[in-house]
Amino acid sequence: MKAYLDKIGPLGTLFAALCCVGTPGVLAFLSAIGAGFLINDAILLPLLILFLAASLAGLYFSFKRHENRWPLILSGISAFLILFFAYGWFIRPVVYLGAAGLIGTSVWNVFLKRRYEASI
């Protein structure tokens, strides 16, 4: 399970963040499949926190292997941007920036893990 947290967490976070900011395509998709109840903030906030925690936990486990702390630091900053600017002081472009940062650092982390495993 630890091996997949750094991949599943950012995708779930991206989905929850897009729901939080009200992206029309995501909202229409949820309504079409009968999952419109997910649009409620009482469900989205815990879901977002859960996926952010999974992302950061997965990146921490990867950090312990490849010992490059920058993906973990940048993901923490991205997680703060997503959470604060989606639910604290709402600024949609900053939430998108945080989501892009989280996805980018997750891709970078996968590259670092593969490079570490190839060097063993």
C-alpha atoms as a PDB file:
ATOM      1  CA  MET A   1       0.000   0.000   0.000  1.00  0.00           C
ATOM      2  CA  LYS A   2       2.865   2.391   0.785  1.00  0.00           C
ATOM      3  CA  ALA A   3       4.124   2.075  -2.772  1.00  0.00           C
ATOM      4  CA  TYR A   4       0.902   3.477  -4.228  1.00  0.00           C
ATOM      5  CA  LEU A   5       0.112   6.318  -1.812  1.00  0.00           C
ATOM      6  CA  ASP A   6       2.309   8.793  -3.703  1.00  0.00           C
ATOM      7  CA  LYS A   7       0.388   8.015  -6.905  1.00  0.00           C
ATOM      8  CA  ILE A   8      -3.185   7.646  -5.633  1.00  0.00           C
ATOM      9  CA  GLY A   9      -3.076  10.606  -3.250  1.00  0.00           C
ATOM     10  CA  PRO A  10      -2.349  13.328  -5.834  1.00  0.00           C
ATOM     11  CA  LEU A  11      -4.978  12.006  -8.243  1.00  0.00           C
ATOM     12  CA  GLY A  12      -7.592  11.961  -5.506  1.00  0.00           C
ATOM     13  CA  THR A  13      -6.496  15.403  -4.383  1.00  0.00           C
ATOM     14  CA  LEU A  14      -6.796  16.727  -7.921  1.00  0.00           C
ATOM     15  CA  PHE A  15     -10.306  15.296  -8.200  1.00  0.00           C
ATOM     16  CA  ALA A  16     -11.385  16.735  -4.828  1.00  0.00           C
ATOM     17  CA  ALA A  17      -9.788  20.120  -5.565  1.00  0.00           C
ATOM     18  CA  LEU A  18     -11.528  20.340  -8.941  1.00  0.00           C
ATOM     19  CA  CYS A  19     -14.817  19.593  -7.198  1.00  0.00           C
ATOM     20  CA  CYS A  20     -14.091  22.244  -4.551  1.00  0.00           C
ATOM     21  CA  VAL A  21     -13.530  25.000  -7.090  1.00  0.00           C
ATOM     22  CA  GLY A  22     -16.560  23.953  -9.115  1.00  0.00           C
ATOM     23  CA  THR A  23     -14.983  22.848 -12.386  1.00  0.00           C
ATOM     24  CA  PRO A  24     -17.989  22.341 -14.700  1.00  0.00           C
ATOM     25  CA  GLY A  25     -16.715  19.176 -16.383  1.00  0.00           C
ATOM     26  CA  VAL A  26     -16.099  17.398 -13.088  1.00  0.00           C
ATOM     27  CA  LEU A  27     -19.415  18.516 -11.636  1.00  0.00           C
ATOM     28  CA  ALA A  28     -21.292  17.369 -14.751  1.00  0.00           C
ATOM     29  CA  PHE A  29     -19.501  14.010 -14.664  1.00  0.00           C
ATOM     30  CA  LEU A  30     -20.423  13.482 -11.007  1.00  0.00           C
ATOM     31  CA  SER A  31     -24.033  14.352 -11.666  1.00  0.00           C
ATOM     32  CA  ALA A  32     -24.155  12.045 -14.687  1.00  0.00           C
ATOM     33  CA  ILE A  33     -22.916   9.011 -12.746  1.00  0.00           C
ATOM     34  CA  GLY A  34     -25.214   9.714  -9.804  1.00  0.00           C
ATOM     35  CA  ALA A  35     -22.503  10.909  -7.420  1.00  0.00           C
ATOM     36  CA  GLY A  36     -23.734  14.471  -7.113  1.00  0.00           C
ATOM     37  CA  PHE A  37     -23.712  14.108  -3.322  1.00  0.00           C
ATOM     38  CA  LEU A  38     -19.912  14.511  -3.473  1.00  0.00           C
ATOM     39  CA  ILE A  39     -20.352  18.176  -4.380  1.00  0.00           C
ATOM     40  CA  ASN A  40     -21.328  18.954  -0.778  1.00  0.00           C
ATOM     41  CA  ASP A  41     -18.517  20.718   1.138  1.00  0.00           C
ATOM     42  CA  ALA A  42     -19.236  18.600   4.209  1.00  0.00           C
ATOM     43  CA  ILE A  43     -18.044  15.602   2.185  1.00  0.00           C
ATOM     44  CA  LEU A  44     -15.417  17.310   0.035  1.00  0.00           C
ATOM     45  CA  LEU A  45     -13.343  18.839   2.837  1.00  0.00           C
ATOM     46  CA  PRO A  46     -12.668  15.548   4.680  1.00  0.00           C
ATOM     47  CA  LEU A  47     -12.107  13.827   1.334  1.00  0.00           C
ATOM     48  CA  LEU A  48      -9.604  16.506   0.303  1.00  0.00           C
ATOM     49  CA  ILE A  49      -7.791  16.278   3.645  1.00  0.00           C
ATOM     50  CA  LEU A  50      -7.664  12.476   3.373  1.00  0.00           C
ATOM     51  CA  PHE A  51      -6.149  12.569  -0.116  1.00  0.00           C
ATOM     52  CA  LEU A  52      -3.687  15.315   0.837  1.00  0.00           C
ATOM     53  CA  ALA A  53      -2.580  13.245   3.827  1.00  0.00           C
ATOM     54  CA  ALA A  54      -2.201  10.172   1.585  1.00  0.00           C
ATOM     55  CA  SER A  55      -0.110  12.204  -0.868  1.00  0.00           C
ATOM     56  CA  LEU A  56       2.187  13.542   1.811  1.00  0.00           C
ATOM     57  CA  ALA A  57       2.500  10.136   3.500  1.00  0.00           C
ATOM     58  CA  GLY A  58       3.416   8.496   0.196  1.00  0.00           C
ATOM     59  CA  LEU A  59       5.978  11.173  -0.520  1.00  0.00           C
ATOM     60  CA  TYR A  60       7.418  10.773   2.971  1.00  0.00           C
ATOM     61  CA  PHE A  61       7.840   7.016   2.485  1.00  0.00           C
ATOM     62  CA  SER A  62       9.537   7.687  -0.847  1.00  0.00           C
ATOM     63  CA  PHE A  63      11.740  10.348   0.755  1.00  0.00           C
ATOM     64  CA  LYS A  64      13.027   7.759   3.195  1.00  0.00           C
ATOM     65  CA  ARG A  65      14.248   5.726   0.225  1.00  0.00           C
ATOM     66  CA  HIS A  66      15.726   8.279  -2.173  1.00  0.00           C
ATOM     67  CA  GLU A  67      16.535  10.965   0.473  1.00  0.00           C
ATOM     68  CA  ASN A  68      15.668  13.966  -1.704  1.00  0.00           C
ATOM     69  CA  ARG A  69      13.545  16.226   0.476  1.00  0.00           C
ATOM     70  CA  TRP A  70      12.458  18.746  -2.195  1.00  0.00           C
ATOM     71  CA  PRO A  71       9.465  16.820  -3.558  1.00  0.00           C
ATOM     72  CA  LEU A  72       8.157  16.454  -0.008  1.00  0.00           C
ATOM     73  CA  ILE A  73       8.684  20.155   0.790  1.00  0.00           C
ATOM     74  CA  LEU A  74       7.104  21.361  -2.443  1.00  0.00           C
ATOM     75  CA  SER A  75       4.170  18.984  -1.979  1.00  0.00           C
ATOM     76  CA  GLY A  76       3.619  20.346   1.510  1.00  0.00           C
ATOM     77  CA  ILE A  77       3.514  23.876   0.106  1.00  0.00           C
ATOM     78  CA  SER A  78       1.150  22.740  -2.658  1.00  0.00           C
ATOM     79  CA  ALA A  79      -1.106  21.007  -0.124  1.00  0.00           C
ATOM     80  CA  PHE A  80      -1.267  24.212   1.920  1.00  0.00           C
ATOM     81  CA  LEU A  81      -2.131  26.233  -1.192  1.00  0.00           C
ATOM     82  CA  ILE A  82      -4.922  23.851  -2.122  1.00  0.00           C
ATOM     83  CA  LEU A  83      -6.438  23.643   1.336  1.00  0.00           C
ATOM     84  CA  PHE A  84      -6.139  27.299   2.333  1.00  0.00           C
ATOM     85  CA  PHE A  85      -7.163  28.830  -0.966  1.00  0.00           C
ATOM     86  CA  ALA A  86     -10.039  26.391  -1.552  1.00  0.00           C
ATOM     87  CA  TYR A  87     -11.584  26.695   1.907  1.00  0.00           C
ATOM     88  CA  GLY A  88      -9.972  29.675   3.626  1.00  0.00           C
ATOM     89  CA  TRP A  89      -9.576  32.562   1.274  1.00  0.00           C
ATOM     90  CA  PHE A  90     -10.968  31.361  -2.075  1.00  0.00           C
ATOM     91  CA  ILE A  91      -8.716  32.132  -5.053  1.00  0.00           C
ATOM     92  CA  ARG A  92      -9.317  29.637  -7.865  1.00  0.00           C
ATOM     93  CA  PRO A  93      -6.030  30.115  -9.819  1.00  0.00           C
ATOM     94  CA  VAL A  94      -3.992  29.481  -6.666  1.00  0.00           C
ATOM     95  CA  VAL A  95      -5.889  26.232  -6.062  1.00  0.00           C
ATOM     96  CA  TYR A  96      -5.081  25.197  -9.626  1.00  0.00           C
ATOM     97  CA  LEU A  97      -1.434  26.166  -9.051  1.00  0.00           C
ATOM     98  CA  GLY A  98      -1.337  24.034  -5.904  1.00  0.00           C
ATOM     99  CA  ALA A  99      -2.884  21.075  -7.727  1.00  0.00           C
ATOM    100  CA  ALA A 100      -0.376  21.420 -10.565  1.00  0.00           C
ATOM    101  CA  GLY A 101       2.439  21.623  -8.036  1.00  0.00           C
ATOM    102  CA  LEU A 102       1.252  18.487  -6.290  1.00  0.00           C
ATOM    103  CA  ILE A 103       0.991  16.542  -9.542  1.00  0.00           C
ATOM    104  CA  GLY A 104       4.381  17.855 -10.692  1.00  0.00           C
ATOM    105  CA  THR A 105       6.147  16.880  -7.483  1.00  0.00           C
ATOM    106  CA  SER A 106       4.514  13.448  -7.596  1.00  0.00           C
ATOM    107  CA  VAL A 107       5.849  12.883 -11.107  1.00  0.00           C
ATOM    108  CA  TRP A 108       9.258  14.100  -9.966  1.00  0.00           C
ATOM    109  CA  ASN A 109       9.078  11.703  -7.010  1.00  0.00           C
ATOM    110  CA  VAL A 110       8.310   8.739  -9.282  1.00  0.00           C
ATOM    111  CA  PHE A 111      11.353   9.669 -11.380  1.00  0.00           C
ATOM    112  CA  LEU A 112      13.543   9.845  -8.251  1.00  0.00           C
ATOM    113  CA  LYS A 113      12.251   6.475  -7.016  1.00  0.00           C
ATOM    114  CA  ARG A 114      13.004   4.808 -10.345  1.00  0.00           C
ATOM    115  CA  ARG A 115      16.482   6.341 -10.454  1.00  0.00           C
ATOM    116  CA  TYR A 116      17.141   5.158  -6.905  1.00  0.00           C
ATOM    117  CA  GLU A 117      15.934   1.625  -7.662  1.00  0.00           C
ATOM    118  CA  ALA A 118      18.084   1.486 -10.807  1.00  0.00           C
ATOM    119  CA  SER A 119      21.165   2.469  -8.823  1.00  0.00           C
ATOM    120  CA  ILE A 120      20.768  -0.348  -6.291  1.00  0.00           C
END
